[in-house]
């Protein structure tokens, strides 16, 4: 592991991944464009590709996995370097997850079929299952791993105690914990403590939404969001009313700071997460190959201690307003 590269699930990558959710969940992106997005990431060395059994439309929840499988079918030369992470078990929209071994086994079999010859490097239940003890679910994942259905166990939105339990049961089979990591979430003790303990356990933190669902990249358009009825951020408390106005002040100050240090805002935001802890692997998503290239390039940027201090000072002076998700979804986070 270095300032710009790391290992996850025993495989090398630069300290940047690619989340595929935006390619299929809230819109439909042309397959050719989606393929360019994935190629751009992998060509840059951003080898972690993150997908899920439920990242498709209500009519076809598997469309994201099918898209990735089609990519590997057309470009088999990318199979070897790609590190594929899959989440499953989800039975609700914001909450509701199962650890039933038969359900998970069927999902894994389906995912493997859709991915063709590409193995699943990481598999996680999207949330801690609420239909059985967590210990039982971890044992189920260990059984499925022994059956050869995937290589390593991932966690998702898993807090310190549950993460410790999983590690005590499965040891080094637990490769990662996917949680929301951005400059807006580092002040949450549940997030910061999980990052700290995960590092001690040798678990990589896959930091999804490093731009705070698009708020922190400097390209957020409030009018575009409000007129787009399909933009799910309209339902997130941090993007509503006075909360949004207050949260945008953080963006303004970070922009000024990035100019002071002669960096782009994208570089400042992503590099600050990599500086914050060496076990964080940011997971931005995009439908634009150019933005994917910019994100990957930010993995090569190493900021100073002085810069990180200045960034965190601004974050402290502009505390985030509003919860991460609507109330119905908050109970399933960081359990």
Protein backbone atom coordinates (compact mmCIF):
# COMPACT_ATOMS: atom_id res chain seq x y z
CA UNK A 1 0.00 0.00 0.00
CA UNK A 2 1.25 3.51 -0.84
CA UNK A 3 -0.15 7.01 -1.00
CA UNK A 4 -1.51 6.34 -4.49
CA UNK A 5 -1.97 2.55 -4.75
CA UNK A 6 -3.33 -0.22 -2.55
CA UNK A 7 -4.45 -3.85 -2.48
CA UNK A 8 -8.04 -4.98 -2.00
CA UNK A 9 -9.17 -8.61 -2.00
CA UNK A 10 -5.54 -9.46 -2.73
CA UNK A 11 -5.55 -7.49 -5.99
CA UNK A 12 -3.77 -4.21 -6.88
CA UNK A 13 -5.49 -0.95 -7.79
CA UNK A 14 -4.86 2.75 -7.68
CA UNK A 15 -6.69 4.39 -4.78
CA UNK A 16 -9.80 5.06 -6.80
CA UNK A 17 -12.66 2.80 -7.86
CA UNK A 18 -15.72 3.08 -10.07
CA UNK A 19 -19.30 2.74 -8.90
CA UNK A 20 -21.66 1.66 -11.67
CA UNK A 21 -24.99 2.54 -10.05
CA UNK A 22 -25.57 5.75 -12.02
CA UNK A 23 -25.28 3.92 -15.34
CA UNK A 24 -28.58 2.09 -14.89
CA UNK A 25 -30.48 2.94 -11.72
CA UNK A 26 -31.85 6.46 -12.18
CA UNK A 27 -31.37 6.77 -15.92
CA UNK A 28 -30.48 4.74 -18.96
CA UNK A 29 -27.05 5.34 -20.45
CA UNK A 30 -26.21 4.12 -23.93
CA UNK A 31 -24.23 0.89 -23.73
CA UNK A 32 -21.39 2.33 -25.82
CA UNK A 33 -21.03 5.26 -23.40
CA UNK A 34 -21.21 2.96 -20.38
CA UNK A 35 -18.47 0.79 -21.88
CA UNK A 36 -16.25 3.86 -22.35
CA UNK A 37 -16.81 4.77 -18.69
CA UNK A 38 -15.68 1.33 -17.54
CA UNK A 39 -12.76 1.19 -19.97
CA UNK A 40 -11.54 4.61 -18.86
CA UNK A 41 -11.47 3.51 -15.23
CA UNK A 42 -9.70 0.22 -15.90
CA UNK A 43 -7.20 1.80 -18.30
CA UNK A 44 -6.24 4.24 -15.55
CA UNK A 45 -5.66 1.46 -13.03
CA UNK A 46 -8.89 2.08 -11.10
CA UNK A 47 -9.56 -1.63 -11.00
CA UNK A 48 -12.34 -1.87 -8.40
CA UNK A 49 -15.69 -2.03 -10.22
CA UNK A 50 -18.69 -1.89 -7.89
CA UNK A 51 -22.11 -3.22 -8.86
CA UNK A 52 -25.16 -4.80 -7.21
CA UNK A 53 -28.06 -7.16 -7.77
CA UNK A 54 -30.49 -4.23 -7.50
CA UNK A 55 -28.86 -1.40 -9.49
CA UNK A 56 -31.35 -1.68 -12.34
CA UNK A 57 -34.81 -0.33 -13.02
CA UNK A 58 -37.90 -1.78 -11.35
CA UNK A 59 -38.51 -3.66 -14.60
CA UNK A 60 -35.00 -5.10 -14.76
CA UNK A 61 -33.09 -4.91 -11.48
CA UNK A 62 -30.24 -6.94 -12.95
CA UNK A 63 -29.47 -4.54 -15.80
CA UNK A 64 -26.31 -3.22 -14.10
CA UNK A 65 -24.81 -6.68 -13.76
CA UNK A 66 -25.91 -7.54 -17.28
CA UNK A 67 -24.19 -4.40 -18.55
CA UNK A 68 -20.93 -5.35 -16.83
CA UNK A 69 -21.19 -8.90 -18.17
CA UNK A 70 -21.71 -7.55 -21.69
CA UNK A 71 -18.64 -5.37 -21.23
CA UNK A 72 -16.46 -8.35 -20.32
CA UNK A 73 -17.91 -10.32 -23.19
CA UNK A 74 -16.91 -7.60 -25.65
CA UNK A 75 -13.61 -6.77 -23.96
CA UNK A 76 -12.30 -9.99 -22.36
CA UNK A 77 -8.84 -8.46 -22.07
CA UNK A 78 -10.10 -6.45 -19.08
CA UNK A 79 -11.26 -9.47 -17.08
CA UNK A 80 -7.89 -10.21 -15.44
CA UNK A 81 -7.29 -6.79 -13.87
CA UNK A 82 -10.86 -5.93 -12.90
CA UNK A 83 -11.81 -6.39 -9.24
CA UNK A 84 -15.56 -6.91 -9.16
CA UNK A 85 -17.54 -6.15 -6.03
CA UNK A 86 -21.20 -7.20 -5.87
CA UNK A 87 -23.83 -6.41 -3.25
CA UNK A 88 -26.96 -8.51 -2.76
CA UNK A 89 -29.63 -9.52 -0.30
CA UNK A 90 -31.66 -6.33 -0.68
CA UNK A 91 -35.42 -6.79 -0.45
CA UNK A 92 -36.52 -3.17 0.05
CA UNK A 93 -35.77 0.27 -1.39
CA UNK A 94 -34.02 2.01 1.49
CA UNK A 95 -34.12 -0.81 4.02
CA UNK A 96 -34.74 -4.52 4.26
CA UNK A 97 -32.04 -7.09 3.65
CA UNK A 98 -31.87 -10.86 4.00
CA UNK A 99 -29.05 -13.17 5.01
CA UNK A 100 -30.87 -16.31 3.90
CA UNK A 101 -28.26 -18.65 2.47
CA UNK A 102 -30.52 -19.98 -0.28
CA UNK A 103 -31.44 -16.47 -1.45
CA UNK A 104 -27.81 -15.36 -1.43
CA UNK A 105 -26.67 -18.53 -3.19
CA UNK A 106 -29.22 -17.99 -5.95
CA UNK A 107 -28.14 -14.37 -6.33
CA UNK A 108 -24.50 -15.37 -6.59
CA UNK A 109 -25.27 -18.03 -9.17
CA UNK A 110 -27.22 -15.47 -11.19
CA UNK A 111 -24.46 -12.89 -10.91
CA UNK A 112 -21.81 -15.38 -12.00
CA UNK A 113 -23.91 -16.35 -14.98
CA UNK A 114 -24.38 -12.72 -16.02
CA UNK A 115 -20.67 -11.94 -15.58
CA UNK A 116 -19.64 -14.85 -17.76
CA UNK A 117 -16.06 -15.86 -17.08
CA UNK A 118 -15.35 -13.09 -14.59
CA UNK A 119 -15.19 -14.20 -10.96
CA UNK A 120 -16.74 -12.20 -8.14
CA UNK A 121 -13.90 -10.82 -6.03
CA UNK A 122 -16.05 -9.32 -3.24
CA UNK A 123 -19.62 -10.12 -2.21
CA UNK A 124 -21.56 -8.31 0.51
CA UNK A 125 -25.10 -8.07 1.78
CA UNK A 126 -26.12 -4.48 1.07
CA UNK A 127 -27.09 -3.90 4.70
CA UNK A 128 -26.95 -5.98 7.86
CA UNK A 129 -29.82 -8.43 7.37
CA UNK A 130 -32.79 -7.82 9.64
CA UNK A 131 -34.23 -11.33 9.35
CA UNK A 132 -31.59 -13.21 11.36
CA UNK A 133 -28.58 -12.68 13.65
CA UNK A 134 -25.54 -11.13 11.98
CA UNK A 135 -23.40 -14.05 13.14
CA UNK A 136 -25.59 -16.44 11.14
CA UNK A 137 -25.28 -14.30 8.04
CA UNK A 138 -21.48 -14.21 8.32
CA UNK A 139 -21.42 -18.01 8.62
CA UNK A 140 -23.65 -18.22 5.56
CA UNK A 141 -21.25 -16.00 3.61
CA UNK A 142 -18.33 -18.16 4.72
CA UNK A 143 -20.16 -21.26 3.49
CA UNK A 144 -20.90 -19.67 0.11
CA UNK A 145 -17.28 -18.55 -0.21
CA UNK A 146 -16.12 -22.11 0.45
CA UNK A 147 -18.49 -23.26 -2.30
CA UNK A 148 -16.41 -21.15 -4.69
CA UNK A 149 -19.14 -18.63 -5.51
CA UNK A 150 -16.95 -15.60 -4.69
CA UNK A 151 -13.45 -14.86 -3.38
CA UNK A 152 -13.75 -12.55 -0.34
CA UNK A 153 -16.44 -11.28 2.01
CA UNK A 154 -17.40 -7.63 1.83
CA UNK A 155 -19.37 -5.60 4.34
CA UNK A 156 -21.67 -2.68 3.63
CA UNK A 157 -22.83 0.10 5.96
CA UNK A 158 -21.43 -1.98 8.81
CA UNK A 159 -20.53 -0.34 12.12
CA UNK A 160 -17.61 -1.10 14.40
CA UNK A 161 -19.04 -3.90 16.55
CA UNK A 162 -20.58 -5.81 13.64
CA UNK A 163 -17.38 -5.36 11.64
CA UNK A 164 -15.34 -6.74 14.54
CA UNK A 165 -17.66 -9.73 14.84
CA UNK A 166 -17.38 -10.49 11.14
CA UNK A 167 -13.59 -10.27 11.35
CA UNK A 168 -13.48 -12.49 14.45
CA UNK A 169 -15.52 -15.14 12.62
CA UNK A 170 -14.07 -14.94 9.12
CA UNK A 171 -10.65 -13.37 9.65
CA UNK A 172 -8.87 -12.19 6.54
CA UNK A 173 -11.73 -13.38 4.35
CA UNK A 174 -13.31 -10.01 5.21
CA UNK A 175 -11.70 -7.70 2.68
CA UNK A 176 -13.73 -4.49 2.76
CA UNK A 177 -16.49 -2.39 4.26
CA UNK A 178 -18.43 -0.12 1.88
CA UNK A 179 -19.64 3.01 3.65
CA UNK A 180 -20.38 6.59 2.67
CA UNK A 181 -17.14 8.55 2.99
CA UNK A 182 -16.99 12.19 2.04
CA UNK A 183 -15.95 15.43 3.67
CA UNK A 184 -19.55 15.65 4.88
CA UNK A 185 -19.49 12.30 6.69
CA UNK A 186 -16.06 12.32 8.37
CA UNK A 187 -17.52 14.31 11.27
CA UNK A 188 -19.90 11.43 12.03
CA UNK A 189 -18.31 9.44 14.88
CA UNK A 190 -19.79 6.20 13.54
CA UNK A 191 -17.99 6.79 10.24
CA UNK A 192 -14.66 8.02 11.60
CA UNK A 193 -14.41 5.25 14.21
CA UNK A 194 -15.25 2.59 11.62
CA UNK A 195 -12.47 3.89 9.36
CA UNK A 196 -10.02 3.78 12.28
CA UNK A 197 -10.89 0.26 13.44
CA UNK A 198 -11.04 -1.10 9.88
CA UNK A 199 -7.47 0.05 9.36
CA UNK A 200 -6.39 -1.81 12.49
CA UNK A 201 -8.12 -4.96 11.22
CA UNK A 202 -6.67 -4.71 7.72
CA UNK A 203 -10.07 -4.03 6.14
CA UNK A 204 -10.29 -1.61 3.22
CA UNK A 205 -12.95 1.10 3.44
CA UNK A 206 -14.68 1.46 0.08
CA UNK A 207 -15.88 5.05 0.32
CA UNK A 208 -18.96 5.50 -1.80
CA UNK A 209 -20.37 8.94 -2.68
CA UNK A 210 -17.07 10.77 -2.04
CA UNK A 211 -18.61 13.89 -3.59
CA UNK A 212 -21.62 13.78 -1.29
CA UNK A 213 -23.97 12.60 -4.07
CA UNK A 214 -22.55 15.21 -6.43
CA UNK A 215 -22.69 18.20 -4.10
CA UNK A 216 -18.94 18.57 -3.57
CA UNK A 217 -17.58 18.31 -7.12
CA UNK A 218 -18.37 21.93 -7.98
CA UNK A 219 -20.77 21.05 -10.77
CA UNK A 220 -24.00 20.72 -8.80
CA UNK A 221 -26.96 22.52 -10.44
CA UNK A 222 -29.85 23.07 -8.05
CA UNK A 223 -32.27 24.13 -10.80
CA UNK A 224 -31.47 21.06 -12.87
CA UNK A 225 -32.05 18.82 -9.86
CA UNK A 226 -35.35 20.43 -8.92
CA UNK A 227 -36.83 20.25 -12.41
CA UNK A 228 -35.77 16.63 -12.84
CA UNK A 229 -38.42 14.55 -11.13
CA UNK A 230 -36.27 11.43 -11.53
CA UNK A 231 -33.34 12.92 -9.58
CA UNK A 232 -33.50 10.97 -6.34
CA UNK A 233 -31.54 13.66 -4.48
CA UNK A 234 -34.79 15.61 -4.26
CA UNK A 235 -35.75 13.10 -1.56
CA UNK A 236 -32.50 13.39 0.44
CA UNK A 237 -32.71 15.76 3.44
CA UNK A 238 -29.28 17.26 2.70
CA UNK A 239 -30.59 18.51 -0.65
CA UNK A 240 -33.77 20.10 0.67
CA UNK A 241 -34.60 23.71 1.58
CA UNK A 242 -32.36 25.51 4.04
CA UNK A 243 -30.25 22.37 4.48
CA UNK A 244 -29.09 22.61 0.89
CA UNK A 245 -28.37 26.33 1.09
CA UNK A 246 -26.22 25.82 4.19
CA UNK A 247 -24.42 22.81 2.72
CA UNK A 248 -23.54 24.76 -0.42
CA UNK A 249 -21.52 27.18 1.74
CA UNK A 250 -19.04 24.37 2.32
CA UNK A 251 -18.64 23.95 -1.43
CA UNK A 252 -17.96 27.66 -1.89
CA UNK A 253 -15.22 27.65 0.74
CA UNK A 254 -13.63 24.47 -0.59
CA UNK A 255 -13.53 26.03 -4.07
CA UNK A 256 -11.62 29.01 -2.69
CA UNK A 257 -9.22 26.73 -0.87
CA UNK A 258 -8.57 24.65 -3.98
CA UNK A 259 -7.61 27.84 -5.84
CA UNK A 260 -5.24 28.78 -3.02
CA UNK A 261 -3.43 25.46 -3.36
CA UNK A 262 -3.63 25.48 -7.16
CA UNK A 263 -5.69 22.32 -7.34
CA UNK A 264 -9.03 21.47 -8.87
CA UNK A 265 -11.90 20.93 -6.47
CA UNK A 266 -12.10 17.29 -7.59
CA UNK A 267 -8.43 16.79 -6.72
CA UNK A 268 -8.84 18.50 -3.36
CA UNK A 269 -11.90 16.49 -2.34
CA UNK A 270 -10.66 13.06 -3.41
CA UNK A 271 -7.06 13.52 -2.33
CA UNK A 272 -8.19 14.68 1.11
CA UNK A 273 -9.96 11.36 1.68
CA UNK A 274 -6.88 9.40 0.64
CA UNK A 275 -4.77 11.56 2.96
CA UNK A 276 -7.22 11.16 5.86
CA UNK A 277 -6.59 7.41 6.08
CA UNK A 278 -4.47 5.01 4.05
CA UNK A 279 -7.19 2.34 4.01
CA UNK A 280 -9.80 4.45 2.19
CA UNK A 281 -10.52 3.65 -1.45
CA UNK A 282 -12.85 6.37 -2.84
CA UNK A 283 -15.64 5.08 -5.06
CA UNK A 284 -17.00 7.86 -7.26
CA UNK A 285 -19.46 7.12 -10.02
CA UNK A 286 -20.11 8.93 -13.29
CA UNK A 287 -21.74 8.53 -16.67
CA UNK A 288 -19.04 10.69 -18.28
CA UNK A 289 -15.70 9.11 -19.31
CA UNK A 290 -13.96 12.49 -19.02
CA UNK A 291 -15.01 12.85 -15.38
CA UNK A 292 -13.94 9.27 -14.70
CA UNK A 293 -10.49 10.12 -16.04
CA UNK A 294 -10.35 13.21 -13.82
CA UNK A 295 -11.32 11.18 -10.77
CA UNK A 296 -8.67 8.57 -11.49
CA UNK A 297 -6.03 11.25 -12.03
CA UNK A 298 -6.83 12.59 -8.56
CA UNK A 299 -5.51 9.32 -7.10
CA UNK A 300 -2.03 10.50 -8.05
CA UNK A 301 -2.43 13.74 -6.09
CA UNK A 302 -0.86 13.68 -2.64
CA UNK A 303 -1.80 16.64 -0.46
CA UNK A 304 0.20 17.92 2.50
CA UNK A 305 -0.67 17.77 6.19
CA UNK A 306 -1.18 21.52 6.03
CA UNK A 307 -3.74 21.16 3.26
CA UNK A 308 -5.65 18.45 5.08
CA UNK A 309 -5.74 20.56 8.24
CA UNK A 310 -7.11 23.52 6.29
CA UNK A 311 -9.72 21.34 4.60
CA UNK A 312 -10.92 19.75 7.83
CA UNK A 313 -11.03 23.16 9.51
CA UNK A 314 -13.42 24.41 6.83
CA UNK A 315 -15.51 21.26 7.19
CA UNK A 316 -15.70 21.76 10.95
CA UNK A 317 -16.79 25.37 10.49
CA UNK A 318 -19.51 24.30 8.02
CA UNK A 319 -21.19 21.28 9.63
CA UNK A 320 -23.44 19.27 7.37
CA UNK A 321 -27.17 19.89 7.64
CA UNK A 322 -29.68 17.06 7.18
CA UNK A 323 -29.41 13.30 7.40
CA UNK A 324 -27.84 11.09 4.74
CA UNK A 325 -31.12 9.42 3.77
CA UNK A 326 -34.83 9.85 4.56
CA UNK A 327 -35.84 8.67 8.01
CA UNK A 328 -37.08 5.31 6.70
CA UNK A 329 -33.56 4.42 5.53
CA UNK A 330 -31.48 5.72 8.42
CA UNK A 331 -32.12 2.78 10.74
CA UNK A 332 -30.24 0.36 8.49
CA UNK A 333 -27.02 2.38 8.36
CA UNK A 334 -23.81 1.62 10.26
CA UNK A 335 -25.35 -1.15 12.36
